[in-house]
Every structure is written in C-alpha cells, then in structure tokens.
Protein backbone atom coordinates (compact mmCIF):
# COMPACT_ATOMS: atom_id res chain seq x y z
CA MET A 1 -34.97 -139.10 34.93
CA THR A 2 -36.96 -138.47 31.85
CA THR A 3 -38.14 -140.60 29.18
CA GLN A 4 -36.54 -140.16 25.68
CA ASN A 5 -38.60 -140.02 22.88
CA ASN A 6 -38.41 -142.67 19.79
CA LYS A 7 -36.76 -140.82 16.95
CA CYS A 8 -37.35 -141.21 13.03
CA ILE A 9 -34.57 -139.87 11.22
CA ILE A 10 -34.46 -139.09 7.18
CA ASP A 11 -31.64 -138.20 5.48
CA ILE A 12 -32.12 -136.22 1.76
CA PHE A 13 -28.82 -136.48 -0.56
CA ASN A 14 -28.70 -137.28 -4.30
CA ASN A 15 -25.30 -138.18 -5.13
CA HIS A 16 -22.39 -138.15 -2.85
CA ALA A 17 -22.74 -137.55 0.49
CA TYR A 18 -19.31 -135.39 2.31
CA ASP A 19 -20.76 -136.52 5.53
CA THR A 20 -20.79 -139.85 5.91
CA SER A 21 -22.26 -140.17 9.06
CA VAL A 22 -24.73 -142.56 9.88
CA PHE A 23 -28.01 -143.61 12.01
CA LEU A 24 -28.50 -147.23 13.04
CA ASN A 25 -32.32 -148.43 12.90
CA ASN A 26 -32.75 -150.23 16.28
CA SER A 27 -35.70 -150.23 19.29
CA ASP A 28 -35.75 -146.41 19.28
CA THR A 29 -34.80 -145.16 16.08
CA TYR A 30 -35.75 -145.37 12.55
CA TYR A 31 -33.78 -144.29 10.09
CA ALA A 32 -33.76 -144.05 6.28
CA THR A 33 -32.39 -142.41 3.20
CA ILE A 34 -34.50 -140.71 0.19
CA THR A 35 -33.45 -138.59 -2.88
CA TYR A 36 -34.81 -135.02 -3.76
CA ARG A 37 -36.95 -136.63 -5.73
CA ASP A 38 -38.36 -138.62 -3.36
CA LEU A 39 -38.88 -135.27 -1.22
CA GLU A 40 -41.08 -134.06 -4.11
CA LYS A 41 -43.03 -137.49 -3.99
CA LEU A 42 -43.44 -137.19 -0.17
CA TYR A 43 -44.21 -133.67 -0.10
CA HIS A 44 -47.19 -134.22 -2.15
CA TYR A 45 -48.39 -137.73 -0.32
CA LEU A 46 -48.05 -135.81 3.03
CA ASN A 47 -50.81 -132.72 1.49
CA GLU A 48 -52.84 -135.17 0.01
CA GLU A 49 -53.24 -137.85 2.98
CA ILE A 50 -53.50 -135.13 5.82
CA GLU A 51 -55.74 -133.22 3.54
CA GLU A 52 -57.99 -136.17 3.09
CA THR A 53 -58.03 -136.96 6.95
CA GLU A 54 -59.16 -133.75 7.91
CA LYS A 55 -61.30 -134.06 6.34
CA ASN A 56 -62.70 -137.27 7.45
CA GLU A 57 -62.40 -139.24 4.05
CA LYS A 58 -60.36 -142.17 3.26
CA PRO A 59 -57.63 -140.94 0.97
CA GLU A 60 -57.42 -142.45 -2.17
CA LYS A 61 -54.41 -144.80 -2.97
CA ASN A 62 -52.06 -143.25 -5.32
CA GLU A 63 -51.11 -146.26 -6.88
CA GLU A 64 -47.76 -145.16 -7.94
CA ILE A 65 -46.50 -144.75 -4.65
CA SER A 66 -48.60 -147.51 -3.28
CA HIS A 67 -46.58 -150.45 -4.54
CA LYS A 68 -43.15 -148.92 -4.56
CA LYS A 69 -40.65 -148.96 -1.46
CA GLU A 70 -40.79 -145.68 -0.28
CA ASN A 71 -44.38 -146.35 1.09
CA MET A 72 -43.30 -147.66 3.88
CA ILE A 73 -40.65 -144.53 4.24
CA PHE A 74 -43.51 -142.19 3.88
CA MET A 75 -46.11 -144.09 6.02
CA THR A 76 -43.49 -143.76 8.66
CA ILE A 77 -42.87 -140.15 8.57
CA LEU A 78 -46.94 -140.02 8.15
CA ASN A 79 -47.59 -141.69 11.50
CA ALA A 80 -44.31 -139.65 13.39
CA LEU A 81 -46.19 -136.46 12.32
CA ASN A 82 -48.84 -137.68 14.37
CA ASP A 83 -47.32 -139.06 17.31
CA SER A 84 -45.70 -137.18 20.37
CA SER A 85 -43.53 -139.71 21.28
CA ILE A 86 -41.26 -139.36 18.14
CA ASP A 87 -38.76 -136.79 17.32
CA LEU A 88 -39.14 -136.33 13.09
CA PHE A 89 -36.25 -135.53 12.04
CA PHE A 90 -34.88 -133.91 8.31
CA ASN A 91 -31.24 -134.28 7.53
CA PHE A 92 -30.81 -132.05 4.52
CA LYS A 93 -26.93 -133.89 4.30
CA CYS A 94 -23.88 -132.04 2.88
CA ALA A 95 -23.34 -133.89 -0.70
CA SER A 96 -22.15 -133.05 -4.18
CA ASN A 97 -25.65 -132.19 -5.18
CA CYS A 98 -25.13 -129.05 -2.80
CA ASN A 99 -22.87 -127.48 -5.87
CA ASN A 100 -20.25 -126.75 -3.07
CA GLY A 101 -22.72 -124.52 -0.89
CA GLU A 102 -24.12 -122.55 -3.96
CA ILE A 103 -27.39 -124.06 -4.61
CA ILE A 104 -29.08 -128.03 -3.89
CA CYS A 105 -29.57 -129.47 -6.90
CA ASN A 106 -31.11 -126.72 -9.13
CA GLN A 107 -33.53 -123.95 -8.84
CA ASN A 108 -36.48 -125.95 -8.88
CA ILE A 109 -35.74 -128.62 -6.51
CA GLN A 110 -34.15 -125.09 -4.38
CA GLU A 111 -37.71 -123.74 -4.54
CA LEU A 112 -39.00 -127.51 -3.50
CA VAL A 113 -36.89 -127.48 0.18
CA PHE A 114 -38.18 -124.26 0.74
CA ASP A 115 -41.84 -125.48 0.07
CA PHE A 116 -41.60 -128.19 2.29
CA ILE A 117 -39.89 -126.79 4.87
CA LYS A 118 -42.54 -124.07 4.67
CA TYR A 119 -45.02 -126.81 4.95
CA ILE A 120 -43.49 -129.29 7.21
CA THR A 121 -42.46 -126.83 10.14
CA LYS A 122 -46.44 -126.25 10.91
CA TYR A 123 -45.67 -129.36 12.90
CA ASN A 124 -43.21 -129.98 15.66
CA ILE A 125 -40.12 -131.31 13.88
CA TYR A 126 -36.36 -130.86 13.32
CA LEU A 127 -34.48 -129.65 10.39
CA ILE A 128 -30.49 -130.42 10.26
CA PHE A 129 -28.62 -128.57 7.34
CA SER A 130 -24.55 -128.31 7.47
CA ASP A 131 -21.78 -127.09 5.57
CA HIS A 132 -22.68 -127.24 2.12
CA SER A 133 -26.28 -127.94 2.49
CA MET A 134 -26.13 -124.93 5.44
CA SER A 135 -25.02 -122.70 2.67
CA ALA A 136 -27.27 -123.53 -0.11
CA LEU A 137 -29.95 -123.15 1.99
CA PHE A 138 -29.72 -119.29 3.27
CA LYS A 139 -27.74 -117.88 0.27
CA HIS A 140 -31.52 -118.69 -1.10
CA TRP A 141 -33.57 -117.31 1.92
CA THR A 142 -35.38 -114.20 1.73
CA GLU A 143 -37.84 -112.62 3.60
CA GLU A 144 -40.29 -112.27 1.12
CA LYS A 145 -39.81 -116.22 0.53
CA MET A 146 -40.08 -117.48 4.27
CA GLY A 147 -41.76 -114.10 5.94
CA ILE A 148 -38.60 -113.41 8.28
CA VAL A 149 -34.97 -112.45 7.87
CA SER A 150 -32.24 -115.22 7.06
CA PRO A 151 -31.24 -115.61 10.74
CA ILE A 152 -28.07 -116.93 8.96
CA TYR A 153 -25.25 -115.23 7.42
CA ILE A 154 -23.10 -117.26 5.62
CA HIS A 155 -19.46 -115.92 4.91
CA ASP A 156 -17.91 -115.67 1.71
CA ASN A 157 -14.29 -117.53 2.63
CA ASP A 158 -14.56 -121.00 3.83
CA THR A 159 -12.36 -122.99 6.05
CA SER A 160 -10.08 -126.30 6.02
CA GLY A 161 -7.56 -128.17 8.12
CA PRO A 162 -7.23 -128.07 12.00
CA TYR A 163 -10.19 -126.98 13.79
CA ARG A 164 -10.81 -126.16 17.46
CA MET A 165 -14.53 -126.66 18.62
CA LEU A 166 -15.76 -125.86 21.99
CA ALA A 167 -19.09 -126.13 23.68
CA LYS A 168 -20.76 -126.38 27.32
CA LYS A 169 -22.33 -129.39 28.09
CA GLU A 170 -26.05 -128.09 29.14
CA ASP A 171 -26.44 -126.59 25.65
CA PHE A 172 -25.66 -130.25 23.88
CA ILE A 173 -28.39 -131.52 26.76
CA GLY A 174 -30.63 -128.94 25.89
CA SER A 175 -30.90 -129.89 22.11
CA LYS A 176 -32.51 -132.48 20.57
CA HIS A 177 -29.90 -133.50 18.14
CA PRO A 178 -28.81 -137.05 19.25
CA ILE A 179 -25.42 -136.81 18.37
CA LEU A 180 -24.97 -133.72 20.37
CA GLN A 181 -26.98 -135.30 23.14
CA LYS A 182 -25.14 -138.09 23.33
CA ILE A 183 -21.25 -136.10 23.61
CA ALA A 184 -23.36 -134.47 26.75
CA ASN A 185 -23.81 -137.92 28.24
CA LEU A 186 -20.44 -138.96 27.44
CA SER A 187 -18.93 -136.02 28.69
CA GLU A 188 -17.57 -136.04 32.15
CA ASN A 189 -16.78 -132.09 32.15
CA ASP A 190 -18.92 -128.67 31.99
CA ASN A 191 -16.74 -127.65 29.11
CA ILE A 192 -16.47 -129.71 25.58
CA GLU A 193 -13.85 -129.48 23.66
CA MET A 194 -13.08 -131.36 20.68
CA GLU A 195 -10.44 -131.10 17.15
CA PHE A 196 -11.71 -131.20 13.63
CA ASN A 197 -9.58 -131.66 10.66
CA ASN A 198 -12.08 -130.27 8.33
CA MET A 199 -12.34 -130.61 4.61
CA ASN A 200 -11.45 -128.23 1.78
CA GLY A 201 -14.28 -126.13 1.53
CA THR A 202 -15.82 -125.89 4.37
CA LYS A 203 -18.36 -123.60 5.05
CA ILE A 204 -18.40 -120.73 7.88
CA TYR A 205 -21.14 -118.71 9.20
CA ASN A 206 -22.56 -116.60 11.85
CA VAL A 207 -25.98 -115.04 13.13
CA ASN A 208 -27.35 -112.72 11.19
CA LYS A 209 -27.78 -109.47 13.25
CA ASP A 210 -30.37 -108.28 11.11
CA SER A 211 -32.73 -110.86 12.18
CA LYS A 212 -34.99 -110.82 14.61
CA THR A 213 -34.98 -114.70 15.36
CA ASP A 214 -33.74 -115.90 18.99
CA VAL A 215 -30.61 -118.08 17.27
CA LYS A 216 -29.08 -120.53 20.17
CA ILE A 217 -25.32 -120.94 19.95
CA LEU A 218 -24.47 -124.17 20.73
CA SER A 219 -20.98 -124.55 20.03
CA THR A 220 -18.13 -122.18 18.55
CA GLY A 221 -14.97 -122.71 16.78
CA TYR A 222 -11.99 -121.99 15.53
CA PRO A 223 -8.97 -122.75 12.88
CA LEU A 224 -5.93 -124.02 14.65
CA ASN A 225 -4.17 -122.79 11.34
CA HIS A 226 -4.62 -119.02 11.59
CA THR A 227 -2.65 -116.60 13.49
CA LYS A 228 -6.01 -114.60 14.38
CA ASN A 229 -8.62 -117.06 15.83
CA LYS A 230 -11.37 -115.44 16.22
CA GLU A 231 -14.38 -117.74 17.37
CA LEU A 232 -17.35 -118.59 15.04
CA PRO A 233 -20.64 -120.47 15.79
CA VAL A 234 -20.35 -124.33 14.66
CA HIS A 235 -23.40 -125.40 16.17
CA CYS A 236 -26.63 -123.79 16.64
CA GLN A 237 -30.42 -123.80 16.61
CA PHE A 238 -33.43 -121.77 16.28
CA GLN A 239 -37.31 -121.41 16.12
CA TYR A 240 -39.31 -121.77 12.97
CA GLN A 241 -43.22 -121.68 12.68
CA ASN A 242 -43.38 -124.67 14.88
CA GLY A 243 -39.91 -126.60 13.83
CA THR A 244 -36.70 -126.46 15.04
CA PHE A 245 -33.54 -125.98 12.72
CA ILE A 246 -30.26 -127.56 13.85
CA ILE A 247 -27.11 -125.57 12.07
CA SER A 248 -24.02 -127.06 11.81
CA SER A 249 -20.66 -125.83 10.04
CA THR A 250 -18.71 -129.06 10.18
CA HIS A 251 -19.48 -132.85 10.52
CA TRP A 252 -18.40 -135.86 12.68
CA CYS A 253 -16.81 -137.36 10.13
CA ASN A 254 -14.39 -134.69 10.35
CA MET A 255 -13.79 -135.29 13.90
CA GLU A 256 -9.70 -136.18 15.16
CA ASN A 257 -9.59 -135.50 19.14
CA VAL A 258 -11.24 -135.35 22.15
CA GLN A 259 -9.69 -133.34 24.52
CA SER A 260 -12.00 -132.54 26.96
CA ASP A 261 -12.63 -135.83 29.50
CA VAL A 262 -15.05 -138.51 28.45
CA ASN A 263 -16.46 -141.11 31.26
CA LEU A 264 -15.11 -144.22 30.01
CA ALA A 265 -17.43 -146.37 32.13
CA ARG A 266 -20.27 -144.70 29.85
CA LEU A 267 -18.53 -144.76 26.86
CA GLN A 268 -18.68 -148.69 26.90
CA VAL A 269 -21.80 -148.98 27.74
CA ASP A 270 -22.74 -146.86 24.64
CA TYR A 271 -20.29 -149.02 22.44
CA ASN A 272 -21.62 -152.27 23.29
CA ASN A 273 -25.35 -150.92 23.01
CA THR A 274 -24.45 -149.60 19.44
CA PHE A 275 -21.74 -152.07 18.30
CA GLY A 276 -22.23 -155.49 20.06
CA ILE A 277 -20.50 -157.61 22.20
CA ASP A 278 -17.90 -158.63 19.81
CA ALA A 279 -16.90 -154.58 19.24
CA TYR A 280 -17.10 -154.07 22.59
CA ASN A 281 -14.35 -156.74 23.53
CA ASN A 282 -12.39 -155.83 20.88
CA LEU A 283 -12.48 -152.02 22.57
CA GLN A 284 -11.79 -153.76 26.55
CA LYS A 285 -8.42 -155.25 24.79
CA ASP A 286 -7.08 -152.11 23.06
CA ILE A 287 -8.21 -150.67 26.55
CA GLN A 288 -6.05 -153.07 28.36
CA THR A 289 -3.11 -152.83 26.07
CA ALA A 290 -2.88 -149.65 26.62
CA ASN A 291 -2.03 -149.89 30.11
CA ASN A 292 -0.63 -146.71 31.80
CA ASP A 293 -0.03 -144.82 28.26
CA ALA A 294 -1.93 -141.71 28.39
CA THR A 295 -1.53 -140.81 24.96
CA LYS A 296 -2.82 -144.03 23.05
CA MET A 297 -5.33 -144.60 25.65
CA LYS A 298 -6.10 -140.68 24.52
CA ARG A 299 -6.36 -141.93 20.99
CA ILE A 300 -8.74 -144.52 21.87
CA ILE A 301 -11.14 -142.78 23.42
CA SER A 302 -11.30 -140.14 20.30
CA ASP A 303 -11.34 -142.78 17.79
CA SER A 304 -14.24 -144.56 20.12
CA MET A 305 -16.31 -141.35 20.36
CA LYS A 306 -15.89 -141.17 16.75
CA GLU A 307 -16.95 -144.15 15.87
CA LEU A 308 -19.97 -143.43 18.69
CA CYS A 309 -21.24 -140.35 16.77
CA THR A 310 -20.93 -140.92 12.81
CA ASN A 311 -22.32 -144.92 13.69
CA THR A 312 -19.75 -146.13 11.27
CA PRO A 313 -17.40 -148.81 13.31
CA SER A 314 -14.01 -149.60 12.60
CA LYS A 315 -13.32 -152.36 10.41
CA TYR A 316 -13.16 -155.17 12.88
CA MET A 317 -17.02 -154.27 14.08
CA THR A 318 -20.79 -155.05 12.80
CA PRO A 319 -23.50 -152.29 14.75
CA ASN A 320 -25.14 -154.48 17.09
CA LYS A 321 -28.32 -156.88 15.38
CA THR A 322 -30.57 -156.95 18.79
CA ASN A 323 -33.55 -155.14 19.20
CA THR A 324 -33.53 -153.76 15.44
CA LYS A 325 -37.31 -153.32 15.02
CA PHE A 326 -38.50 -150.20 15.81
CA GLN A 327 -40.97 -150.12 18.36
CA ASN A 328 -43.83 -147.45 18.55
CA LYS A 329 -44.18 -146.49 22.72
CA LYS A 330 -47.31 -145.71 22.22
C-alpha cells in the first residue's frame, strides 16, 4: 500500500462561489481561500522568495506582507513547493467573478492568471478549473501566450438539469484529485455512475482536435433531458510544463444520485473520520431505519456521498475537530 501525500489546497475566488464544495483542515490537509488580489501578491512573493533563495541570500522581508494574515498562507504554499511529500493544488473556483465563463474578473486579472500558470507550473503542482472558470480560461488561451494550442475547446451552448456521469474506477484512482480518489475508494464497482442536477448555464467542453497535448479523459456524461445523448468529457487532465491541469464541467454540490454500488463499510469509516462520532451515529440511525427499503437506503448513500465529496455536512453534523493540525510528514 502506497503512502498518500499530504495536501495543500488553495481555493481562489473573489465573490459568490457557485461551487460550494470546500475542503477540511486536518492532519493531512491544509486548506485556505484567497482572492485574486491575494493571487497577485502571492505571485510576487514567490518570485522574490525563490529568487533570493536560489541566490543563497536571506530574503528581505516585505513589511506589508509580513504583518498580514496571508503571510501564513503564502509561507505554507512556499513550503509545499519545496516539499515532495505535499501535493499542492490551486483550485480556481467557478464563481460570479468568472462573468458567466467569459473572463476571470477583467483583462488584467485574466492575464495575471496566465502569468501565474506559466510560473507555477515550473513545479510539480495541480491546477483545478471547473465550469465557468474553465470556460474563461480556455476562451482566452492562445498558442502565442501559452506556447501550445489550447487542449480544450469550449462549446458555445451550455447545459442544465439532470445529467449522467460515467467513469472507470481505475481512472479516478489514477488522478491526484482528492475527491476523485475518494469516490474511487468508496466505489464497489469498476464502473462508476452518478447523476447530477446541473445549474443553469453549466459549460460543456471537448478535447481540441487541433492540440497535440495528451488529454486523459477521466469521466464522460450526457444530459438526461435531451433525446440525443451524445457523451462529452466531464473530468479530464493533462500536463503543462511540470504541472497538471484537472478540468471539470460540473460540481460535486450538484450531485443528486449515486447509481453504482458503494462500499457501505468504507463509507461509514470515511464519514466518521470526516465529520466525527456524532455525525456517524446519526448516519447509523438513518441506515437502521431504512431496514430493507432499497429506495431509502439509496437516498441515504447518495446524500452521504454528496456530503463527503463537498465536505459540507447536513444540519445535524459538525466536522471532526480532532487531528486538525496539518503535519508535514518530513
């Protein structure tokens, strides 16, 4: 059994996030949120710190940064860049600042995002874009700017309502994305099938046939309210420099039903580890009341999977307060 790396996950957005999924700080995960103004500061901070370190000089402290709360976040990110036992993720959230998938904030911020990508992918890190942030990124991606043809083509039309996602367990295992790996671990079948209720204006995409980049499709899907059900990618990933892009057209907060079988024992263990003993006991009561009612049991499992994938527990639950300190394995 291979040892899982620690994770440092940074969500980036300014305003209202349409993707309400979060991560929890615990013994193996550091989670924080920053704005695009913070991202600009982070970009300059990393440039200065790493450049001075490479010169074997002690970095001069920026007084404006050193006395602000983001300094701890910035230092944690810098530490993760230099520590192979930590997987570093930058999650560009689908949010209102993506302007319906047309541009991230404004032209200056959009250019900042491209500059940051080109800089940070010198390192072995992960970049997550979904729905509107995905659309805004690839609509402005050019070969002149990024050195390669955009691997992703954004369709002019979008989707909404019931949507079916299909995946192979082995493909989710092969991805570093924490939620994809979690689903693979909890899935009993080799084939994973889920249903979503996509928000209005959910963007859809395909692999750009003019790109030479090797894009690995992790899952596909199709709307259930159309007569012609053409499958399109839902999750995919590709390499850019030393970094990895992980792309998604939907969000875990839109998950409605898990159609494939789930390992109930592993789900309960994960539930206890994530949300604590009180939440686990409530889940046990729900399972017991279901008795032999297959429909009710399916609803309980689907709701529990959604809570585990979004880390947003239902009203009677509180996240596990034990082992909340992030520990570097080195």
